[in-house]
Amino acid sequence: MSYYKYHLFFCTNQREAGKTCCEQCNATEIRGYAKKRVKELGLSGEGGIRVNTAGCLDRCAQGPVIVVYPQETWYTYVDREDIDEIIEEHLKNDRVVERLLI
């Protein structure tokens, strides 16, 4: 059995010379928000959710990227509301957020 139910990996990569990357979409800030929300909701820790920073996940053309393990579900997002929806639907209720899939 895994220590965490879910690992949520946020690409926070910054590419050189203005090339398209997740950090251009405030990925570090949004990751911080997700981590805070997971803790506020009591979902972090053993048996819960771990929010991590990832290096480049190599899908930059599809917008900012999150991958949820162990299901290997890939999402994009625009704002905090999208993150709230992923937390509520996928992480709390085991339902994939189809509209944010990549």
Protein backbone atom coordinates (compact mmCIF):
# COMPACT_ATOMS: atom_id res chain seq x y z
CA MET A 1 0.00 0.00 0.00
CA SER A 2 1.25 3.46 -0.89
CA TYR A 3 1.98 6.00 1.83
CA TYR A 4 -0.15 8.59 -0.04
CA LYS A 5 -3.40 7.98 -1.86
CA TYR A 6 -2.49 10.62 -4.45
CA HIS A 7 0.61 12.47 -5.58
CA LEU A 8 -0.15 15.73 -7.38
CA PHE A 9 2.83 16.91 -9.45
CA PHE A 10 2.91 20.49 -10.76
CA CYS A 11 5.32 21.36 -13.54
CA THR A 12 6.96 24.61 -12.45
CA ASN A 13 9.63 24.67 -15.14
CA GLN A 14 10.96 28.01 -16.40
CA ARG A 15 12.36 27.86 -19.92
CA GLU A 16 15.01 30.18 -21.28
CA ALA A 17 14.46 33.21 -23.51
CA GLY A 18 10.69 33.40 -23.08
CA LYS A 19 9.92 29.97 -24.53
CA THR A 20 6.49 28.63 -23.56
CA CYS A 21 6.54 27.02 -20.13
CA CYS A 22 4.31 26.31 -17.14
CA GLU A 23 5.94 28.95 -14.96
CA GLN A 24 4.67 31.63 -17.37
CA CYS A 25 1.20 30.62 -16.12
CA ASN A 26 2.08 31.16 -12.44
CA ALA A 27 2.62 27.46 -11.81
CA THR A 28 4.60 27.96 -8.59
CA GLU A 29 1.91 30.24 -7.16
CA ILE A 30 -0.88 27.83 -8.15
CA ARG A 31 1.04 24.88 -6.69
CA GLY A 32 1.34 26.78 -3.42
CA TYR A 33 -2.39 27.42 -3.48
CA ALA A 34 -3.14 23.72 -4.10
CA LYS A 35 -0.84 22.65 -1.26
CA LYS A 36 -2.50 25.14 1.10
CA ARG A 37 -6.02 24.01 0.12
CA VAL A 38 -5.19 20.32 0.55
CA LYS A 39 -3.90 21.06 4.05
CA GLU A 40 -6.88 23.28 4.93
CA LEU A 41 -9.25 20.51 3.87
CA GLY A 42 -7.42 17.97 6.05
CA LEU A 43 -6.44 15.87 3.04
CA SER A 44 -2.65 15.92 3.42
CA GLY A 45 -0.40 13.43 5.16
CA GLU A 46 -0.31 9.66 5.38
CA GLY A 47 -3.08 8.05 3.36
CA GLY A 48 -3.95 11.41 1.82
CA ILE A 49 -2.56 13.75 -0.78
CA ARG A 50 0.96 15.00 -1.41
CA VAL A 51 1.43 18.12 -3.58
CA ASN A 52 4.85 18.20 -5.24
CA THR A 53 6.86 20.34 -7.60
CA ALA A 54 8.06 18.64 -10.77
CA GLY A 55 10.65 19.65 -13.26
CA CYS A 56 9.61 19.87 -16.88
CA LEU A 57 6.91 17.36 -17.75
CA ASP A 58 7.50 18.12 -21.46
CA ARG A 59 3.90 19.02 -22.38
CA CYS A 60 4.33 22.80 -22.40
CA ALA A 61 2.28 23.35 -25.54
CA GLN A 62 -0.82 22.16 -23.69
CA GLY A 63 -0.72 24.86 -21.03
CA PRO A 64 0.29 24.52 -17.40
CA VAL A 65 0.44 20.84 -16.46
CA ILE A 66 -0.44 18.72 -13.43
CA VAL A 67 -0.22 14.94 -13.27
CA VAL A 68 -2.01 12.90 -10.61
CA TYR A 69 -0.53 9.57 -9.57
CA PRO A 70 -1.10 6.68 -9.24
CA GLN A 71 -3.71 7.01 -12.04
CA GLU A 72 -1.36 8.99 -14.31
CA THR A 73 -4.12 11.51 -15.01
CA TRP A 74 -2.85 14.62 -16.83
CA TYR A 75 -4.59 17.96 -16.36
CA THR A 76 -4.19 21.53 -17.45
CA TYR A 77 -5.64 24.51 -15.57
CA VAL A 78 -6.26 28.21 -15.92
CA ASP A 79 -6.90 29.42 -12.39
CA ARG A 80 -7.57 28.55 -8.75
CA GLU A 81 -11.14 27.54 -9.57
CA ASP A 82 -9.80 24.77 -11.83
CA ILE A 83 -7.54 23.59 -9.00
CA ASP A 84 -10.49 23.62 -6.59
CA GLU A 85 -12.44 21.48 -9.05
CA ILE A 86 -9.59 18.97 -9.39
CA ILE A 87 -9.29 18.75 -5.60
CA GLU A 88 -13.04 18.36 -5.08
CA GLU A 89 -13.82 16.01 -7.95
CA HIS A 90 -10.70 13.92 -8.49
CA LEU A 91 -8.91 13.95 -5.16
CA LYS A 92 -11.91 13.91 -2.83
CA ASN A 93 -14.50 12.07 -4.93
CA ASP A 94 -12.42 9.92 -7.33
CA ARG A 95 -14.04 11.50 -10.42
CA VAL A 96 -11.88 12.62 -13.33
CA VAL A 97 -12.42 16.23 -14.41
CA GLU A 98 -12.92 15.55 -18.12
CA ARG A 99 -12.90 19.19 -19.24
CA LEU A 100 -9.33 19.71 -17.90
CA LEU A 101 -7.78 16.49 -19.25
CA ILE A 102 -4.86 16.65 -21.64
